[in-house]
């Protein structure tokens, strides 16, 4: 089984490649905008990893590199939803267009199966747990809109061209090697200003947090066991964690555990932020996969991991 990972040098991608490389050959396709070669050090040591440094916006380069592979994990995207506010075209390019390029290259080269990293943001603001069969999806952000557009294109390629695919809608993924997100943001702020942490919003925003180890486990499981020709799964714990709790944990694990937390106010951290997100993981549980970490456990583990990276041992 030859595996192709688009965005394989990034946060989630590098953890996935590390696991896949133990079992067989893996090609990492990445432009290294946010990904890092250092993230792949352990995977490269297996001798099973080939790196192609190129931009997935260039269809011809994707097609040339993807030839000869059996399956594709597509993890490439704009890594930070807030960036779309300053560059509205960013999610169109890095999300929608790149996904079409990966699909079209897969079709042309006869790739058998595609695994797509979607997001719980496709549900929008969900005080009730989002289910895979829910209709009328209405994302709040350009990032979420690009993920939903990617899902619909994948479904169309499955129907029209015989591709098989798995779509995983992630909770908020946390853990080491992160390139964005609240935990990394808070730790960096505390390193710059050890006495004070500013938090966007009122701290009551709450979402399910998924540890990257569980994310990788779910991706691998659904790639093998998911429905064919198309399976869509929420990949997240059933519970959730507040931003206030994350801020308090980051302060407690910082060099100054007495730092003051200041909330800017409002229900959203920024335009496009989803104040409340709930994901129902029962469909994936019925298939046979459950995450190991609750949302709170994932956050506590990730805060310690990220704090070591930012503040040092």
C-alpha atoms as a PDB file:
ATOM      1  CA  UNK A   1       0.000   0.000   0.000  1.00  0.00           C
ATOM      2  CA  UNK A   2       1.587   3.253  -1.184  1.00  0.00           C
ATOM      3  CA  UNK A   3       0.250   6.285   0.667  1.00  0.00           C
ATOM      4  CA  UNK A   4       0.328   9.939  -0.404  1.00  0.00           C
ATOM      5  CA  UNK A   5      -0.137  12.630   2.265  1.00  0.00           C
ATOM      6  CA  UNK A   6      -0.924  16.178   1.154  1.00  0.00           C
ATOM      7  CA  UNK A   7       0.157  18.501   3.952  1.00  0.00           C
ATOM      8  CA  UNK A   8       2.218  15.717   5.498  1.00  0.00           C
ATOM      9  CA  UNK A   9       4.769  18.023   7.138  1.00  0.00           C
ATOM     10  CA  UNK A  10       2.185  19.958   9.137  1.00  0.00           C
ATOM     11  CA  UNK A  11       0.800  19.512  12.630  1.00  0.00           C
ATOM     12  CA  UNK A  12      -1.574  16.600  12.070  1.00  0.00           C
ATOM     13  CA  UNK A  13       0.129  15.382   8.898  1.00  0.00           C
ATOM     14  CA  UNK A  14       3.524  14.808  10.495  1.00  0.00           C
ATOM     15  CA  UNK A  15       1.991  12.730  13.296  1.00  0.00           C
ATOM     16  CA  UNK A  16       0.065  10.681  10.733  1.00  0.00           C
ATOM     17  CA  UNK A  17       3.134  10.128   8.546  1.00  0.00           C
ATOM     18  CA  UNK A  18       5.088   9.007  11.599  1.00  0.00           C
ATOM     19  CA  UNK A  19       2.556   6.225  12.160  1.00  0.00           C
ATOM     20  CA  UNK A  20       2.047   5.281   8.509  1.00  0.00           C
ATOM     21  CA  UNK A  21       5.775   5.053   7.774  1.00  0.00           C
ATOM     22  CA  UNK A  22       6.123   2.133  10.167  1.00  0.00           C
ATOM     23  CA  UNK A  23       3.959   0.024   7.849  1.00  0.00           C
ATOM     24  CA  UNK A  24       5.081   1.031   4.367  1.00  0.00           C
ATOM     25  CA  UNK A  25       6.121   3.705   1.862  1.00  0.00           C
ATOM     26  CA  UNK A  26       4.708   7.213   2.323  1.00  0.00           C
ATOM     27  CA  UNK A  27       5.098  10.278   0.116  1.00  0.00           C
ATOM     28  CA  UNK A  28       4.806  13.657   1.813  1.00  0.00           C
ATOM     29  CA  UNK A  29       3.611  16.470  -0.468  1.00  0.00           C
ATOM     30  CA  UNK A  30       4.009  19.846   1.234  1.00  0.00           C
ATOM     31  CA  UNK A  31       5.063  23.400   0.417  1.00  0.00           C
ATOM     32  CA  UNK A  32       6.433  23.872   3.958  1.00  0.00           C
ATOM     33  CA  UNK A  33       4.569  27.126   4.505  1.00  0.00           C
ATOM     34  CA  UNK A  34       3.492  26.030   7.980  1.00  0.00           C
ATOM     35  CA  UNK A  35       4.908  22.500   8.039  1.00  0.00           C
ATOM     36  CA  UNK A  36       8.494  21.805   9.068  1.00  0.00           C
ATOM     37  CA  UNK A  37      11.054  19.190   8.081  1.00  0.00           C
ATOM     38  CA  UNK A  38      11.937  18.844  11.752  1.00  0.00           C
ATOM     39  CA  UNK A  39       8.440  17.469  12.357  1.00  0.00           C
ATOM     40  CA  UNK A  40       9.301  14.531  10.067  1.00  0.00           C
ATOM     41  CA  UNK A  41      12.604  13.591  11.678  1.00  0.00           C
ATOM     42  CA  UNK A  42      11.316  10.400  13.317  1.00  0.00           C
ATOM     43  CA  UNK A  43       9.352   9.351  10.226  1.00  0.00           C
ATOM     44  CA  UNK A  44      12.342   9.893   7.941  1.00  0.00           C
ATOM     45  CA  UNK A  45      14.423   7.594  10.137  1.00  0.00           C
ATOM     46  CA  UNK A  46      12.272   4.643   8.989  1.00  0.00           C
ATOM     47  CA  UNK A  47      13.595   4.996   5.445  1.00  0.00           C
ATOM     48  CA  UNK A  48      10.027   4.765   4.120  1.00  0.00           C
ATOM     49  CA  UNK A  49       9.341   8.477   3.590  1.00  0.00           C
ATOM     50  CA  UNK A  50       9.819  10.485   0.398  1.00  0.00           C
ATOM     51  CA  UNK A  51       9.358  14.265   0.466  1.00  0.00           C
ATOM     52  CA  UNK A  52       8.048  16.260  -2.475  1.00  0.00           C
ATOM     53  CA  UNK A  53       8.297  19.984  -1.782  1.00  0.00           C
ATOM     54  CA  UNK A  54       5.730  21.640  -4.032  1.00  0.00           C
ATOM     55  CA  UNK A  55       2.538  23.688  -3.967  1.00  0.00           C
ATOM     56  CA  UNK A  56      -0.780  21.834  -4.180  1.00  0.00           C
ATOM     57  CA  UNK A  57      -2.210  24.808  -6.088  1.00  0.00           C
ATOM     58  CA  UNK A  58      -0.203  23.516  -9.077  1.00  0.00           C
ATOM     59  CA  UNK A  59      -2.293  20.645 -10.436  1.00  0.00           C
ATOM     60  CA  UNK A  60       0.424  19.294 -12.724  1.00  0.00           C
ATOM     61  CA  UNK A  61       2.835  18.891  -9.806  1.00  0.00           C
ATOM     62  CA  UNK A  62       0.206  17.158  -7.692  1.00  0.00           C
ATOM     63  CA  UNK A  63      -0.628  14.786 -10.534  1.00  0.00           C
ATOM     64  CA  UNK A  64       3.003  13.942 -11.244  1.00  0.00           C
ATOM     65  CA  UNK A  65       3.717  13.195  -7.587  1.00  0.00           C
ATOM     66  CA  UNK A  66       0.504  11.273  -6.887  1.00  0.00           C
ATOM     67  CA  UNK A  67       1.035   8.754  -9.706  1.00  0.00           C
ATOM     68  CA  UNK A  68       1.539   5.198  -8.483  1.00  0.00           C
ATOM     69  CA  UNK A  69      -0.108   5.654  -5.091  1.00  0.00           C
ATOM     70  CA  UNK A  70      -3.043   3.634  -3.774  1.00  0.00           C
ATOM     71  CA  UNK A  71      -4.568   6.104  -1.339  1.00  0.00           C
ATOM     72  CA  UNK A  72      -4.378   9.775  -0.413  1.00  0.00           C
ATOM     73  CA  UNK A  73      -4.750  11.545   2.913  1.00  0.00           C
ATOM     74  CA  UNK A  74      -5.612  15.169   2.166  1.00  0.00           C
ATOM     75  CA  UNK A  75      -4.713  17.313   5.199  1.00  0.00           C
ATOM     76  CA  UNK A  76      -3.625  20.514   3.483  1.00  0.00           C
ATOM     77  CA  UNK A  77      -5.576  23.691   4.313  1.00  0.00           C
ATOM     78  CA  UNK A  78      -5.235  27.192   5.661  1.00  0.00           C
ATOM     79  CA  UNK A  79      -4.110  26.316   9.212  1.00  0.00           C
ATOM     80  CA  UNK A  80      -5.702  29.320  10.944  1.00  0.00           C
ATOM     81  CA  UNK A  81      -9.370  30.238  10.436  1.00  0.00           C
ATOM     82  CA  UNK A  82      -8.815  33.864  11.500  1.00  0.00           C
ATOM     83  CA  UNK A  83      -6.439  34.527   8.594  1.00  0.00           C
ATOM     84  CA  UNK A  84      -9.400  34.431   6.233  1.00  0.00           C
ATOM     85  CA  UNK A  85     -10.630  37.715   7.718  1.00  0.00           C
ATOM     86  CA  UNK A  86      -7.576  39.515   6.359  1.00  0.00           C
ATOM     87  CA  UNK A  87      -7.268  37.476   3.163  1.00  0.00           C
ATOM     88  CA  UNK A  88     -10.757  36.344   2.077  1.00  0.00           C
ATOM     89  CA  UNK A  89      -9.334  34.483  -0.941  1.00  0.00           C
ATOM     90  CA  UNK A  90      -7.058  32.345   1.243  1.00  0.00           C
ATOM     91  CA  UNK A  91      -9.571  29.612   2.083  1.00  0.00           C
ATOM     92  CA  UNK A  92     -10.799  29.505  -1.506  1.00  0.00           C
ATOM     93  CA  UNK A  93      -7.257  28.785  -2.688  1.00  0.00           C
ATOM     94  CA  UNK A  94      -5.833  26.674   0.149  1.00  0.00           C
ATOM     95  CA  UNK A  95      -9.113  24.863   0.808  1.00  0.00           C
ATOM     96  CA  UNK A  96     -11.485  24.633  -2.139  1.00  0.00           C
ATOM     97  CA  UNK A  97      -9.084  24.827  -5.095  1.00  0.00           C
ATOM     98  CA  UNK A  98      -6.428  22.620  -3.508  1.00  0.00           C
ATOM     99  CA  UNK A  99      -9.079  19.999  -2.718  1.00  0.00           C
ATOM    100  CA  UNK A 100     -10.252  20.025  -6.334  1.00  0.00           C
ATOM    101  CA  UNK A 101      -6.638  19.645  -7.493  1.00  0.00           C
ATOM    102  CA  UNK A 102      -6.157  16.624  -5.238  1.00  0.00           C
ATOM    103  CA  UNK A 103      -9.417  15.083  -6.465  1.00  0.00           C
ATOM    104  CA  UNK A 104      -8.648  15.668 -10.122  1.00  0.00           C
ATOM    105  CA  UNK A 105      -5.084  14.372  -9.808  1.00  0.00           C
ATOM    106  CA  UNK A 106      -6.453  11.287  -8.027  1.00  0.00           C
ATOM    107  CA  UNK A 107      -9.001  10.710 -10.791  1.00  0.00           C
ATOM    108  CA  UNK A 108      -6.435  11.045 -13.561  1.00  0.00           C
ATOM    109  CA  UNK A 109      -3.967   8.700 -11.877  1.00  0.00           C
ATOM    110  CA  UNK A 110      -6.447   6.087 -10.686  1.00  0.00           C
ATOM    111  CA  UNK A 111      -6.013   6.532  -6.941  1.00  0.00           C
ATOM    112  CA  UNK A 112      -8.366   4.129  -5.181  1.00  0.00           C
ATOM    113  CA  UNK A 113      -9.248   5.956  -1.966  1.00  0.00           C
ATOM    114  CA  UNK A 114      -9.164   9.485  -0.516  1.00  0.00           C
ATOM    115  CA  UNK A 115      -9.303  10.453   3.162  1.00  0.00           C
ATOM    116  CA  UNK A 116     -10.261  14.097   3.751  1.00  0.00           C
ATOM    117  CA  UNK A 117      -9.701  16.136   6.899  1.00  0.00           C
ATOM    118  CA  UNK A 118     -12.870  18.145   7.312  1.00  0.00           C
ATOM    119  CA  UNK A 119     -14.008  19.999  10.412  1.00  0.00           C
ATOM    120  CA  UNK A 120     -16.841  20.384  12.864  1.00  0.00           C
ATOM    121  CA  UNK A 121     -16.999  23.991  11.667  1.00  0.00           C
ATOM    122  CA  UNK A 122     -19.201  22.782   8.784  1.00  0.00           C
ATOM    123  CA  UNK A 123     -22.079  22.620  11.296  1.00  0.00           C
ATOM    124  CA  UNK A 124     -21.782  26.275  12.315  1.00  0.00           C
ATOM    125  CA  UNK A 125     -22.899  27.201  15.838  1.00  0.00           C
ATOM    126  CA  UNK A 126     -24.174  23.914  17.302  1.00  0.00           C
ATOM    127  CA  UNK A 127     -25.501  24.010  20.882  1.00  0.00           C
ATOM    128  CA  UNK A 128     -26.892  20.560  20.074  1.00  0.00           C
ATOM    129  CA  UNK A 129     -24.452  17.879  18.977  1.00  0.00           C
ATOM    130  CA  UNK A 130     -23.932  17.877  15.212  1.00  0.00           C
ATOM    131  CA  UNK A 131     -24.720  14.571  13.521  1.00  0.00           C
ATOM    132  CA  UNK A 132     -23.436  13.373  10.168  1.00  0.00           C
ATOM    133  CA  UNK A 133     -26.971  13.132   8.741  1.00  0.00           C
ATOM    134  CA  UNK A 134     -27.854  16.711   9.673  1.00  0.00           C
ATOM    135  CA  UNK A 135     -29.187  18.799   6.784  1.00  0.00           C
ATOM    136  CA  UNK A 136     -28.860  22.536   6.225  1.00  0.00           C
ATOM    137  CA  UNK A 137     -25.200  22.902   7.223  1.00  0.00           C
ATOM    138  CA  UNK A 138     -24.293  26.571   7.649  1.00  0.00           C
ATOM    139  CA  UNK A 139     -20.639  27.330   8.474  1.00  0.00           C
ATOM    140  CA  UNK A 140     -19.772  30.586  10.267  1.00  0.00           C
ATOM    141  CA  UNK A 141     -16.278  31.019   8.813  1.00  0.00           C
ATOM    142  CA  UNK A 142     -14.636  31.022   5.392  1.00  0.00           C
ATOM    143  CA  UNK A 143     -12.556  28.107   6.662  1.00  0.00           C
ATOM    144  CA  UNK A 144     -15.700  26.102   7.461  1.00  0.00           C
ATOM    145  CA  UNK A 145     -17.217  27.061   4.109  1.00  0.00           C
ATOM    146  CA  UNK A 146     -14.140  25.756   2.283  1.00  0.00           C
ATOM    147  CA  UNK A 147     -14.322  22.470   4.187  1.00  0.00           C
ATOM    148  CA  UNK A 148     -17.991  22.036   3.297  1.00  0.00           C
ATOM    149  CA  UNK A 149     -17.229  22.862  -0.342  1.00  0.00           C
ATOM    150  CA  UNK A 150     -14.523  20.202  -0.259  1.00  0.00           C
ATOM    151  CA  UNK A 151     -16.962  17.639   1.114  1.00  0.00           C
ATOM    152  CA  UNK A 152     -19.485  18.290  -1.651  1.00  0.00           C
ATOM    153  CA  UNK A 153     -16.832  18.031  -4.366  1.00  0.00           C
ATOM    154  CA  UNK A 154     -15.636  14.744  -2.898  1.00  0.00           C
ATOM    155  CA  UNK A 155     -19.188  13.372  -2.873  1.00  0.00           C
ATOM    156  CA  UNK A 156     -19.546  14.391  -6.522  1.00  0.00           C
ATOM    157  CA  UNK A 157     -16.283  12.693  -7.540  1.00  0.00           C
ATOM    158  CA  UNK A 158     -17.383   9.550  -5.712  1.00  0.00           C
ATOM    159  CA  UNK A 159     -20.669   9.525  -7.632  1.00  0.00           C
ATOM    160  CA  UNK A 160     -19.334  10.576 -11.033  1.00  0.00           C
ATOM    161  CA  UNK A 161     -15.902   8.955 -11.257  1.00  0.00           C
ATOM    162  CA  UNK A 162     -15.914   5.908  -8.987  1.00  0.00           C
ATOM    163  CA  UNK A 163     -13.493   7.238  -6.374  1.00  0.00           C
ATOM    164  CA  UNK A 164     -14.066   6.003  -2.818  1.00  0.00           C
ATOM    165  CA  UNK A 165     -13.603   8.411   0.064  1.00  0.00           C
ATOM    166  CA  UNK A 166     -13.699   8.956   3.798  1.00  0.00           C
ATOM    167  CA  UNK A 167     -14.496  12.346   5.335  1.00  0.00           C
ATOM    168  CA  UNK A 168     -13.579  13.009   8.973  1.00  0.00           C
ATOM    169  CA  UNK A 169     -15.044  16.072  10.671  1.00  0.00           C
ATOM    170  CA  UNK A 170     -12.548  16.913  13.400  1.00  0.00           C
ATOM    171  CA  UNK A 171     -13.076  18.575  16.723  1.00  0.00           C
ATOM    172  CA  UNK A 172     -10.401  21.132  17.652  1.00  0.00           C
ATOM    173  CA  UNK A 173      -7.169  19.151  17.358  1.00  0.00           C
ATOM    174  CA  UNK A 174      -4.512  19.793  20.024  1.00  0.00           C
ATOM    175  CA  UNK A 175      -1.088  18.437  20.885  1.00  0.00           C
ATOM    176  CA  UNK A 176       2.629  18.869  20.187  1.00  0.00           C
ATOM    177  CA  UNK A 177       3.930  20.447  16.954  1.00  0.00           C
ATOM    178  CA  UNK A 178       0.847  22.648  16.750  1.00  0.00           C
ATOM    179  CA  UNK A 179       1.144  25.650  14.457  1.00  0.00           C
ATOM    180  CA  UNK A 180      -1.987  27.480  15.635  1.00  0.00           C
ATOM    181  CA  UNK A 181      -4.838  27.342  18.136  1.00  0.00           C
ATOM    182  CA  UNK A 182      -5.710  28.640  21.584  1.00  0.00           C
ATOM    183  CA  UNK A 183      -3.154  26.628  23.570  1.00  0.00           C
ATOM    184  CA  UNK A 184      -0.184  27.704  21.459  1.00  0.00           C
ATOM    185  CA  UNK A 185      -1.502  31.262  21.255  1.00  0.00           C
ATOM    186  CA  UNK A 186      -1.904  31.530  25.040  1.00  0.00           C
ATOM    187  CA  UNK A 187       1.521  30.039  25.767  1.00  0.00           C
ATOM    188  CA  UNK A 188       3.205  32.420  23.320  1.00  0.00           C
ATOM    189  CA  UNK A 189       1.388  35.386  24.886  1.00  0.00           C
ATOM    190  CA  UNK A 190       2.478  34.295  28.364  1.00  0.00           C
ATOM    191  CA  UNK A 191       6.066  33.985  27.201  1.00  0.00           C
ATOM    192  CA  UNK A 192       5.943  37.542  25.830  1.00  0.00           C
ATOM    193  CA  UNK A 193       4.026  39.017  28.813  1.00  0.00           C
ATOM    194  CA  UNK A 194       4.422  36.650  31.795  1.00  0.00           C
ATOM    195  CA  UNK A 195       2.182  38.675  34.133  1.00  0.00           C
ATOM    196  CA  UNK A 196      -0.913  38.959  31.941  1.00  0.00           C
ATOM    197  CA  UNK A 197      -2.863  36.850  29.453  1.00  0.00           C
ATOM    198  CA  UNK A 198      -5.379  38.487  27.151  1.00  0.00           C
ATOM    199  CA  UNK A 199      -8.134  36.149  25.951  1.00  0.00           C
ATOM    200  CA  UNK A 200     -10.447  37.061  23.081  1.00  0.00           C
ATOM    201  CA  UNK A 201     -14.116  36.771  24.014  1.00  0.00           C
ATOM    202  CA  UNK A 202     -15.671  36.040  27.397  1.00  0.00           C
ATOM    203  CA  UNK A 203     -14.009  32.661  27.949  1.00  0.00           C
ATOM    204  CA  UNK A 204     -17.306  30.777  27.752  1.00  0.00           C
ATOM    205  CA  UNK A 205     -16.754  29.554  24.198  1.00  0.00           C
ATOM    206  CA  UNK A 206     -16.852  25.755  24.394  1.00  0.00           C
ATOM    207  CA  UNK A 207     -15.828  23.086  21.911  1.00  0.00           C
ATOM    208  CA  UNK A 208     -14.742  19.430  21.784  1.00  0.00           C
ATOM    209  CA  UNK A 209     -10.946  19.139  21.814  1.00  0.00           C
ATOM    210  CA  UNK A 210      -9.341  16.129  20.147  1.00  0.00           C
ATOM    211  CA  UNK A 211      -5.795  15.055  20.950  1.00  0.00           C
ATOM    212  CA  UNK A 212      -3.675  14.599  17.840  1.00  0.00           C
ATOM    213  CA  UNK A 213      -2.923  10.985  18.813  1.00  0.00           C
ATOM    214  CA  UNK A 214      -6.650  10.215  18.743  1.00  0.00           C
ATOM    215  CA  UNK A 215      -7.002  12.163  15.503  1.00  0.00           C
ATOM    216  CA  UNK A 216      -4.360  10.034  13.805  1.00  0.00           C
ATOM    217  CA  UNK A 217      -5.873   6.864  15.225  1.00  0.00           C
ATOM    218  CA  UNK A 218      -9.275   7.832  13.858  1.00  0.00           C
ATOM    219  CA  UNK A 219      -7.902   8.689  10.431  1.00  0.00           C
ATOM    220  CA  UNK A 220      -6.167   5.346  10.117  1.00  0.00           C
ATOM    221  CA  UNK A 221      -9.186   3.434  11.409  1.00  0.00           C
ATOM    222  CA  UNK A 222     -11.688   5.070   9.062  1.00  0.00           C
ATOM    223  CA  UNK A 223      -9.337   4.677   6.104  1.00  0.00           C
ATOM    224  CA  UNK A 224      -9.466   0.915   6.650  1.00  0.00           C
ATOM    225  CA  UNK A 225     -12.919   0.330   8.152  1.00  0.00           C
ATOM    226  CA  UNK A 226     -15.035   3.227   6.864  1.00  0.00           C
ATOM    227  CA  UNK A 227     -18.105   2.799   4.684  1.00  0.00           C
ATOM    228  CA  UNK A 228     -17.656   2.534   0.937  1.00  0.00           C
ATOM    229  CA  UNK A 229     -17.990   4.257  -1.423  1.00  0.00           C
ATOM    230  CA  UNK A 230     -18.332   7.264   0.948  1.00  0.00           C
ATOM    231  CA  UNK A 231     -18.194   7.471   4.727  1.00  0.00           C
ATOM    232  CA  UNK A 232     -18.613  10.665   6.759  1.00  0.00           C
ATOM    233  CA  UNK A 233     -17.668  10.647  10.447  1.00  0.00           C
ATOM    234  CA  UNK A 234     -17.404  13.059  13.344  1.00  0.00           C
ATOM    235  CA  UNK A 235     -13.978  12.513  14.893  1.00  0.00           C
ATOM    236  CA  UNK A 236     -14.145  14.068  18.342  1.00  0.00           C
ATOM    237  CA  UNK A 237     -14.874  13.280  21.990  1.00  0.00           C
ATOM    238  CA  UNK A 238     -18.502  13.597  23.118  1.00  0.00           C
ATOM    239  CA  UNK A 239     -17.707  16.286  25.698  1.00  0.00           C
ATOM    240  CA  UNK A 240     -16.241  19.786  25.462  1.00  0.00           C
ATOM    241  CA  UNK A 241     -13.975  22.300  27.199  1.00  0.00           C
ATOM    242  CA  UNK A 242     -14.302  26.051  27.715  1.00  0.00           C
ATOM    243  CA  UNK A 243     -11.738  28.612  26.636  1.00  0.00           C
ATOM    244  CA  UNK A 244     -11.628  29.770  30.265  1.00  0.00           C
ATOM    245  CA  UNK A 245     -10.446  26.319  31.336  1.00  0.00           C
ATOM    246  CA  UNK A 246      -7.748  26.332  28.656  1.00  0.00           C
ATOM    247  CA  UNK A 247      -6.542  29.778  29.723  1.00  0.00           C
ATOM    248  CA  UNK A 248      -6.351  28.714  33.363  1.00  0.00           C
ATOM    249  CA  UNK A 249      -4.366  25.586  32.493  1.00  0.00           C
ATOM    250  CA  UNK A 250      -1.940  27.555  30.326  1.00  0.00           C
ATOM    251  CA  UNK A 251      -1.328  30.017  33.155  1.00  0.00           C
ATOM    252  CA  UNK A 252      -0.860  27.171  35.655  1.00  0.00           C
ATOM    253  CA  UNK A 253       1.770  25.577  33.382  1.00  0.00           C
ATOM    254  CA  UNK A 254       3.582  28.838  32.616  1.00  0.00           C
ATOM    255  CA  UNK A 255       6.657  30.220  34.436  1.00  0.00           C
ATOM    256  CA  UNK A 256       4.295  32.591  36.293  1.00  0.00           C
ATOM    257  CA  UNK A 257       1.247  30.638  37.530  1.00  0.00           C
ATOM    258  CA  UNK A 258      -0.129  33.834  39.095  1.00  0.00           C
ATOM    259  CA  UNK A 259      -0.520  35.676  35.806  1.00  0.00           C
ATOM    260  CA  UNK A 260      -3.758  37.648  35.496  1.00  0.00           C
ATOM    261  CA  UNK A 261      -6.260  36.597  32.825  1.00  0.00           C
ATOM    262  CA  UNK A 262      -8.087  39.412  31.029  1.00  0.00           C
ATOM    263  CA  UNK A 263     -11.117  38.672  28.820  1.00  0.00           C
ATOM    264  CA  UNK A 264     -11.938  41.118  26.033  1.00  0.00           C
ATOM    265  CA  UNK A 265     -15.660  40.266  26.226  1.00  0.00           C
ATOM    266  CA  UNK A 266     -18.291  39.107  23.773  1.00  0.00           C
ATOM    267  CA  UNK A 267     -19.504  35.634  22.865  1.00  0.00           C
ATOM    268  CA  UNK A 268     -17.085  35.290  19.920  1.00  0.00           C
ATOM    269  CA  UNK A 269     -13.317  35.529  19.970  1.00  0.00           C
ATOM    270  CA  UNK A 270     -13.409  36.945  16.431  1.00  0.00           C
ATOM    271  CA  UNK A 271     -15.758  37.147  13.462  1.00  0.00           C
ATOM    272  CA  UNK A 272     -16.294  33.610  12.237  1.00  0.00           C
ATOM    273  CA  UNK A 273     -15.484  32.055  15.611  1.00  0.00           C
ATOM    274  CA  UNK A 274     -17.995  29.390  16.648  1.00  0.00           C
ATOM    275  CA  UNK A 275     -18.967  30.087  20.288  1.00  0.00           C
ATOM    276  CA  UNK A 276     -20.515  26.664  20.857  1.00  0.00           C
ATOM    277  CA  UNK A 277     -19.637  23.421  19.105  1.00  0.00           C
ATOM    278  CA  UNK A 278     -20.850  19.929  19.903  1.00  0.00           C
ATOM    279  CA  UNK A 279     -20.135  16.808  17.852  1.00  0.00           C
ATOM    280  CA  UNK A 280     -21.873  13.454  18.164  1.00  0.00           C
ATOM    281  CA  UNK A 281     -19.266  10.661  17.729  1.00  0.00           C
ATOM    282  CA  UNK A 282     -21.726   7.763  18.032  1.00  0.00           C
ATOM    283  CA  UNK A 283     -21.588   6.793  14.345  1.00  0.00           C
ATOM    284  CA  UNK A 284     -17.832   6.213  14.542  1.00  0.00           C
ATOM    285  CA  UNK A 285     -18.219   4.455  17.897  1.00  0.00           C
ATOM    286  CA  UNK A 286     -20.719   2.060  16.317  1.00  0.00           C
ATOM    287  CA  UNK A 287     -18.127   1.306  13.645  1.00  0.00           C
ATOM    288  CA  UNK A 288     -15.661   0.384  16.386  1.00  0.00           C
ATOM    289  CA  UNK A 289     -13.552   3.445  17.178  1.00  0.00           C
ATOM    290  CA  UNK A 290     -13.617   5.596  20.308  1.00  0.00           C
ATOM    291  CA  UNK A 291     -11.128   8.284  21.276  1.00  0.00           C
ATOM    292  CA  UNK A 292      -8.929   7.576  24.292  1.00  0.00           C
ATOM    293  CA  UNK A 293      -9.001  11.083  25.740  1.00  0.00           C
ATOM    294  CA  UNK A 294     -11.968  13.152  26.866  1.00  0.00           C
ATOM    295  CA  UNK A 295     -11.920  16.781  25.772  1.00  0.00           C
ATOM    296  CA  UNK A 296     -10.632  17.925  29.182  1.00  0.00           C
ATOM    297  CA  UNK A 297      -7.980  15.186  29.238  1.00  0.00           C
ATOM    298  CA  UNK A 298      -6.867  16.073  25.708  1.00  0.00           C
ATOM    299  CA  UNK A 299      -6.523  19.729  26.678  1.00  0.00           C
ATOM    300  CA  UNK A 300      -4.624  18.985  29.892  1.00  0.00           C
ATOM    301  CA  UNK A 301      -2.222  16.689  28.060  1.00  0.00           C
ATOM    302  CA  UNK A 302      -1.743  19.144  25.191  1.00  0.00           C
ATOM    303  CA  UNK A 303      -1.151  22.129  27.480  1.00  0.00           C
ATOM    304  CA  UNK A 304       1.728  20.282  29.141  1.00  0.00           C
ATOM    305  CA  UNK A 305       3.157  19.263  25.753  1.00  0.00           C
ATOM    306  CA  UNK A 306       2.897  22.730  24.225  1.00  0.00           C
ATOM    307  CA  UNK A 307       4.178  24.420  27.399  1.00  0.00           C
ATOM    308  CA  UNK A 308       7.346  22.318  27.169  1.00  0.00           C
ATOM    309  CA  UNK A 309       7.798  23.411  23.554  1.00  0.00           C
ATOM    310  CA  UNK A 310       7.228  27.112  24.278  1.00  0.00           C
ATOM    311  CA  UNK A 311       8.728  27.570  27.757  1.00  0.00           C
ATOM    312  CA  UNK A 312      11.272  24.744  27.735  1.00  0.00           C
ATOM    313  CA  UNK A 313      11.550  21.780  30.085  1.00  0.00           C
END
